[in-house]
Amino acid sequence: MAEAKRHNDSVKATPEWQELERRKKLNEVNYQGAQKANKVTLRNTSGSTIYVCPKGMDTHEIKISAGGTAKWDCDTDGYLQVNGKATNTKVYSKNTGCGNTITIR
């Protein structure tokens, strides 16, 4: 067991291993940044659960519980959905809150 640990530690001490770990961390940072740039967080501060969907679409809705949040595609307008049907009440305008949190009251 101690021999295996010594071997693993010696591998992890190599410049190749260090470079691999650096690249993995950089890739994760880049991925998280891209995710944030492509999504907006919708925060529901109303007292009830709401549903949001694209205009004219009665599917692809997201459910946001009272006081909760959900991620939404940044490049898509979001409308309240009532009884399974999209309404004309816009709660998010595309490309206006990328990477941020938008409050729905």
N, C-alpha and C. Protein backbone atom coordinates (compact mmCIF):
# COMPACT_ATOMS: atom_id res chain seq x y z
N MET A 1 0.82 -1.19 0.00
CA MET A 1 0.00 0.00 0.00
C MET A 1 0.87 1.26 0.00
N ALA A 2 1.87 1.29 0.84
CA ALA A 2 2.75 2.46 0.90
C ALA A 2 3.52 2.62 -0.41
N GLU A 3 3.88 1.50 -1.03
CA GLU A 3 4.60 1.56 -2.29
C GLU A 3 3.72 2.17 -3.39
N ALA A 4 2.46 1.81 -3.41
CA ALA A 4 1.53 2.37 -4.40
C ALA A 4 1.37 3.87 -4.19
N LYS A 5 1.28 4.29 -2.94
CA LYS A 5 1.15 5.72 -2.65
C LYS A 5 2.40 6.47 -3.09
N ARG A 6 3.56 5.91 -2.82
CA ARG A 6 4.82 6.55 -3.25
C ARG A 6 4.85 6.68 -4.77
N HIS A 7 4.43 5.64 -5.47
CA HIS A 7 4.40 5.67 -6.93
C HIS A 7 3.44 6.76 -7.42
N ASN A 8 2.24 6.77 -6.87
CA ASN A 8 1.25 7.78 -7.26
C ASN A 8 1.76 9.19 -6.99
N ASP A 9 2.36 9.38 -5.83
CA ASP A 9 2.90 10.70 -5.49
C ASP A 9 4.01 11.11 -6.46
N SER A 10 4.84 10.16 -6.86
CA SER A 10 5.93 10.49 -7.79
C SER A 10 5.36 10.85 -9.17
N VAL A 11 4.30 10.17 -9.59
CA VAL A 11 3.67 10.50 -10.88
C VAL A 11 3.05 11.90 -10.81
N LYS A 12 2.36 12.18 -9.71
CA LYS A 12 1.71 13.49 -9.56
C LYS A 12 2.71 14.63 -9.45
N ALA A 13 3.93 14.34 -9.13
CA ALA A 13 4.96 15.38 -9.00
C ALA A 13 5.61 15.72 -10.34
N THR A 14 5.31 14.96 -11.39
CA THR A 14 5.95 15.21 -12.69
C THR A 14 5.36 16.46 -13.34
N PRO A 15 6.16 17.14 -14.16
CA PRO A 15 5.66 18.31 -14.88
C PRO A 15 4.48 17.98 -15.79
N GLU A 16 4.48 16.80 -16.37
CA GLU A 16 3.38 16.39 -17.25
C GLU A 16 2.07 16.31 -16.48
N TRP A 17 2.12 15.74 -15.29
CA TRP A 17 0.92 15.63 -14.45
C TRP A 17 0.44 17.01 -14.03
N GLN A 18 1.36 17.86 -13.64
CA GLN A 18 1.01 19.21 -13.22
C GLN A 18 0.35 19.98 -14.36
N GLU A 19 0.89 19.83 -15.57
CA GLU A 19 0.32 20.51 -16.74
C GLU A 19 -1.08 19.97 -17.04
N LEU A 20 -1.27 18.68 -16.93
CA LEU A 20 -2.58 18.08 -17.14
C LEU A 20 -3.59 18.63 -16.14
N GLU A 21 -3.22 18.72 -14.90
CA GLU A 21 -4.12 19.26 -13.86
C GLU A 21 -4.43 20.73 -14.12
N ARG A 22 -3.44 21.50 -14.55
CA ARG A 22 -3.66 22.91 -14.87
C ARG A 22 -4.67 23.05 -16.01
N ARG A 23 -4.51 22.22 -17.04
CA ARG A 23 -5.43 22.27 -18.18
C ARG A 23 -6.84 21.85 -17.79
N LYS A 24 -6.95 20.86 -16.93
CA LYS A 24 -8.28 20.43 -16.48
C LYS A 24 -8.99 21.57 -15.75
N LYS A 25 -8.28 22.27 -14.89
CA LYS A 25 -8.87 23.39 -14.15
C LYS A 25 -9.26 24.52 -15.10
N LEU A 26 -8.40 24.82 -16.07
CA LEU A 26 -8.69 25.87 -17.04
C LEU A 26 -9.91 25.50 -17.88
N ASN A 27 -10.00 24.25 -18.30
CA ASN A 27 -11.16 23.80 -19.07
C ASN A 27 -12.44 23.96 -18.26
N GLU A 28 -12.40 23.64 -17.00
CA GLU A 28 -13.59 23.77 -16.15
C GLU A 28 -14.00 25.24 -16.01
N VAL A 29 -13.03 26.11 -15.82
CA VAL A 29 -13.32 27.54 -15.72
C VAL A 29 -13.94 28.05 -17.02
N ASN A 30 -13.38 27.64 -18.15
CA ASN A 30 -13.93 28.05 -19.45
C ASN A 30 -15.33 27.51 -19.66
N TYR A 31 -15.57 26.27 -19.28
CA TYR A 31 -16.90 25.66 -19.41
C TYR A 31 -17.91 26.41 -18.56
N GLN A 32 -17.57 26.69 -17.32
CA GLN A 32 -18.48 27.40 -16.43
C GLN A 32 -18.77 28.80 -16.96
N GLY A 33 -17.77 29.46 -17.51
CA GLY A 33 -17.98 30.78 -18.08
C GLY A 33 -18.92 30.75 -19.27
N ALA A 34 -18.76 29.74 -20.13
CA ALA A 34 -19.64 29.61 -21.29
C ALA A 34 -21.06 29.31 -20.85
N GLN A 35 -21.21 28.45 -19.86
CA GLN A 35 -22.55 28.13 -19.35
C GLN A 35 -23.22 29.39 -18.82
N LYS A 36 -22.48 30.17 -18.07
CA LYS A 36 -23.04 31.38 -17.49
C LYS A 36 -23.44 32.37 -18.57
N ALA A 37 -22.63 32.49 -19.62
CA ALA A 37 -22.91 33.44 -20.69
C ALA A 37 -24.13 33.05 -21.51
N ASN A 38 -24.45 31.76 -21.55
CA ASN A 38 -25.56 31.28 -22.37
C ASN A 38 -26.87 31.13 -21.60
N LYS A 39 -26.84 31.37 -20.31
CA LYS A 39 -28.02 31.17 -19.47
C LYS A 39 -28.30 32.42 -18.64
N VAL A 40 -29.55 32.58 -18.30
CA VAL A 40 -29.98 33.61 -17.37
C VAL A 40 -30.70 32.87 -16.25
N THR A 41 -30.58 33.35 -15.04
CA THR A 41 -31.31 32.75 -13.93
C THR A 41 -32.57 33.57 -13.71
N LEU A 42 -33.71 32.90 -13.71
CA LEU A 42 -34.99 33.55 -13.42
C LEU A 42 -35.34 33.26 -11.97
N ARG A 43 -35.58 34.31 -11.20
CA ARG A 43 -35.93 34.17 -9.78
C ARG A 43 -37.39 34.56 -9.61
N ASN A 44 -38.16 33.65 -9.03
CA ASN A 44 -39.59 33.86 -8.80
C ASN A 44 -39.80 34.38 -7.38
N THR A 45 -40.15 35.67 -7.25
CA THR A 45 -40.40 36.23 -5.93
C THR A 45 -41.90 36.35 -5.66
N SER A 46 -42.71 35.79 -6.56
CA SER A 46 -44.16 35.81 -6.31
C SER A 46 -44.48 34.77 -5.24
N GLY A 47 -45.70 34.74 -4.82
CA GLY A 47 -46.10 33.81 -3.77
C GLY A 47 -46.57 32.47 -4.28
N SER A 48 -46.44 32.23 -5.59
CA SER A 48 -46.91 30.94 -6.11
C SER A 48 -45.99 30.43 -7.20
N THR A 49 -46.14 29.16 -7.54
CA THR A 49 -45.35 28.55 -8.60
C THR A 49 -45.75 29.15 -9.94
N ILE A 50 -44.76 29.42 -10.78
CA ILE A 50 -45.04 29.93 -12.12
C ILE A 50 -44.38 29.01 -13.14
N TYR A 51 -44.85 29.14 -14.37
CA TYR A 51 -44.28 28.40 -15.49
C TYR A 51 -43.90 29.41 -16.56
N VAL A 52 -42.74 29.21 -17.19
CA VAL A 52 -42.25 30.10 -18.22
C VAL A 52 -41.99 29.26 -19.47
N CYS A 53 -42.37 29.82 -20.63
CA CYS A 53 -42.15 29.12 -21.89
C CYS A 53 -41.85 30.14 -22.99
N PRO A 54 -41.35 29.69 -24.14
CA PRO A 54 -41.16 30.60 -25.27
C PRO A 54 -42.52 31.03 -25.82
N LYS A 55 -42.57 32.17 -26.50
CA LYS A 55 -43.81 32.67 -27.09
C LYS A 55 -44.36 31.66 -28.10
N GLY A 56 -45.65 31.43 -27.99
CA GLY A 56 -46.31 30.54 -28.94
C GLY A 56 -46.04 29.08 -28.71
N MET A 57 -45.27 28.76 -27.71
CA MET A 57 -44.96 27.36 -27.42
C MET A 57 -45.69 26.95 -26.14
N ASP A 58 -46.30 25.82 -26.19
CA ASP A 58 -46.99 25.32 -25.01
C ASP A 58 -46.19 24.17 -24.39
N THR A 59 -45.00 23.99 -24.88
CA THR A 59 -44.09 23.00 -24.32
C THR A 59 -42.77 23.70 -24.00
N HIS A 60 -41.81 22.96 -23.57
CA HIS A 60 -40.49 23.49 -23.19
C HIS A 60 -40.59 24.51 -22.05
N GLU A 61 -41.59 24.35 -21.22
CA GLU A 61 -41.73 25.27 -20.11
C GLU A 61 -40.81 24.86 -18.97
N ILE A 62 -40.56 25.82 -18.10
CA ILE A 62 -39.84 25.53 -16.88
C ILE A 62 -40.75 25.90 -15.71
N LYS A 63 -40.64 25.15 -14.67
CA LYS A 63 -41.41 25.39 -13.45
C LYS A 63 -40.49 26.08 -12.46
N ILE A 64 -41.00 27.20 -11.89
CA ILE A 64 -40.22 27.91 -10.87
C ILE A 64 -41.10 28.04 -9.65
N SER A 65 -40.76 27.34 -8.60
CA SER A 65 -41.53 27.39 -7.36
C SER A 65 -41.42 28.77 -6.73
N ALA A 66 -42.39 29.12 -5.89
CA ALA A 66 -42.36 30.40 -5.18
C ALA A 66 -41.04 30.52 -4.43
N GLY A 67 -40.33 31.61 -4.65
CA GLY A 67 -39.04 31.83 -4.01
C GLY A 67 -37.89 31.09 -4.66
N GLY A 68 -38.15 30.33 -5.72
CA GLY A 68 -37.11 29.53 -6.35
C GLY A 68 -36.50 30.18 -7.58
N THR A 69 -35.56 29.47 -8.18
CA THR A 69 -34.89 29.94 -9.40
C THR A 69 -34.84 28.80 -10.41
N ALA A 70 -34.60 29.18 -11.66
CA ALA A 70 -34.39 28.21 -12.73
C ALA A 70 -33.53 28.87 -13.81
N LYS A 71 -32.80 28.05 -14.54
CA LYS A 71 -31.98 28.55 -15.65
C LYS A 71 -32.85 28.61 -16.90
N TRP A 72 -32.59 29.64 -17.74
CA TRP A 72 -33.33 29.85 -18.98
C TRP A 72 -32.32 30.19 -20.07
N ASP A 73 -32.56 29.74 -21.30
CA ASP A 73 -31.67 30.08 -22.40
C ASP A 73 -31.67 31.58 -22.60
N CYS A 74 -30.50 32.14 -22.60
CA CYS A 74 -30.34 33.59 -22.67
C CYS A 74 -30.92 34.19 -23.95
N ASP A 75 -30.88 33.43 -25.04
CA ASP A 75 -31.29 33.98 -26.34
C ASP A 75 -32.75 33.68 -26.69
N THR A 76 -33.59 33.43 -25.67
CA THR A 76 -35.00 33.12 -25.90
C THR A 76 -35.87 34.00 -25.00
N ASP A 77 -36.85 34.69 -25.60
CA ASP A 77 -37.84 35.42 -24.81
C ASP A 77 -38.60 34.44 -23.95
N GLY A 78 -38.95 34.85 -22.73
CA GLY A 78 -39.71 33.99 -21.83
C GLY A 78 -41.05 34.62 -21.50
N TYR A 79 -42.11 33.82 -21.55
CA TYR A 79 -43.47 34.27 -21.27
C TYR A 79 -44.09 33.41 -20.19
N LEU A 80 -44.94 34.02 -19.39
CA LEU A 80 -45.69 33.24 -18.41
C LEU A 80 -46.58 32.26 -19.12
N GLN A 81 -46.74 31.12 -18.51
CA GLN A 81 -47.63 30.09 -19.05
C GLN A 81 -48.73 29.85 -18.02
N VAL A 82 -49.97 29.86 -18.46
CA VAL A 82 -51.11 29.63 -17.57
C VAL A 82 -51.96 28.52 -18.16
N ASN A 83 -52.30 27.56 -17.33
CA ASN A 83 -53.10 26.41 -17.76
C ASN A 83 -52.54 25.75 -19.01
N GLY A 84 -51.23 25.64 -19.08
CA GLY A 84 -50.59 24.95 -20.20
C GLY A 84 -50.50 25.74 -21.48
N LYS A 85 -50.85 27.04 -21.45
CA LYS A 85 -50.82 27.87 -22.65
C LYS A 85 -49.95 29.11 -22.40
N ALA A 86 -49.16 29.47 -23.40
CA ALA A 86 -48.34 30.68 -23.31
C ALA A 86 -49.24 31.91 -23.27
N THR A 87 -48.88 32.88 -22.46
CA THR A 87 -49.62 34.14 -22.41
C THR A 87 -48.81 35.22 -23.12
N ASN A 88 -49.31 36.43 -23.15
CA ASN A 88 -48.58 37.55 -23.73
C ASN A 88 -47.76 38.29 -22.68
N THR A 89 -47.67 37.74 -21.47
CA THR A 89 -46.92 38.38 -20.39
C THR A 89 -45.46 37.96 -20.47
N LYS A 90 -44.62 38.87 -20.98
CA LYS A 90 -43.20 38.59 -21.12
C LYS A 90 -42.51 38.81 -19.78
N VAL A 91 -41.73 37.81 -19.36
CA VAL A 91 -40.98 37.93 -18.11
C VAL A 91 -39.48 38.04 -18.36
N TYR A 92 -39.05 37.76 -19.60
CA TYR A 92 -37.64 37.89 -19.94
C TYR A 92 -37.52 38.21 -21.42
N SER A 93 -36.72 39.23 -21.75
CA SER A 93 -36.42 39.58 -23.14
C SER A 93 -35.06 39.02 -23.52
N LYS A 94 -35.02 38.33 -24.63
CA LYS A 94 -33.79 37.63 -25.03
C LYS A 94 -32.57 38.56 -25.04
N ASN A 95 -31.45 37.96 -24.62
CA ASN A 95 -30.13 38.60 -24.61
C ASN A 95 -30.05 39.85 -23.74
N THR A 96 -30.89 39.96 -22.71
CA THR A 96 -30.83 41.12 -21.83
C THR A 96 -30.27 40.80 -20.45
N GLY A 97 -30.13 39.54 -20.12
CA GLY A 97 -29.65 39.21 -18.78
C GLY A 97 -28.66 38.06 -18.74
N CYS A 98 -27.98 37.83 -19.82
CA CYS A 98 -27.05 36.70 -19.91
C CYS A 98 -26.07 36.70 -18.74
N GLY A 99 -26.00 35.57 -18.05
CA GLY A 99 -25.09 35.43 -16.93
C GLY A 99 -25.58 36.06 -15.64
N ASN A 100 -26.75 36.67 -15.65
CA ASN A 100 -27.26 37.36 -14.47
C ASN A 100 -28.53 36.70 -13.96
N THR A 101 -29.07 37.29 -12.91
CA THR A 101 -30.34 36.83 -12.34
C THR A 101 -31.39 37.89 -12.58
N ILE A 102 -32.52 37.47 -13.12
CA ILE A 102 -33.66 38.35 -13.38
C ILE A 102 -34.77 37.98 -12.42
N THR A 103 -35.36 38.97 -11.78
CA THR A 103 -36.42 38.72 -10.81
C THR A 103 -37.78 38.83 -11.48
N ILE A 104 -38.60 37.83 -11.24
CA ILE A 104 -39.99 37.83 -11.71
C ILE A 104 -40.87 38.02 -10.48
N ARG A 105 -41.71 39.03 -10.49
CA ARG A 105 -42.55 39.33 -9.33
C ARG A 105 -43.97 38.89 -9.55
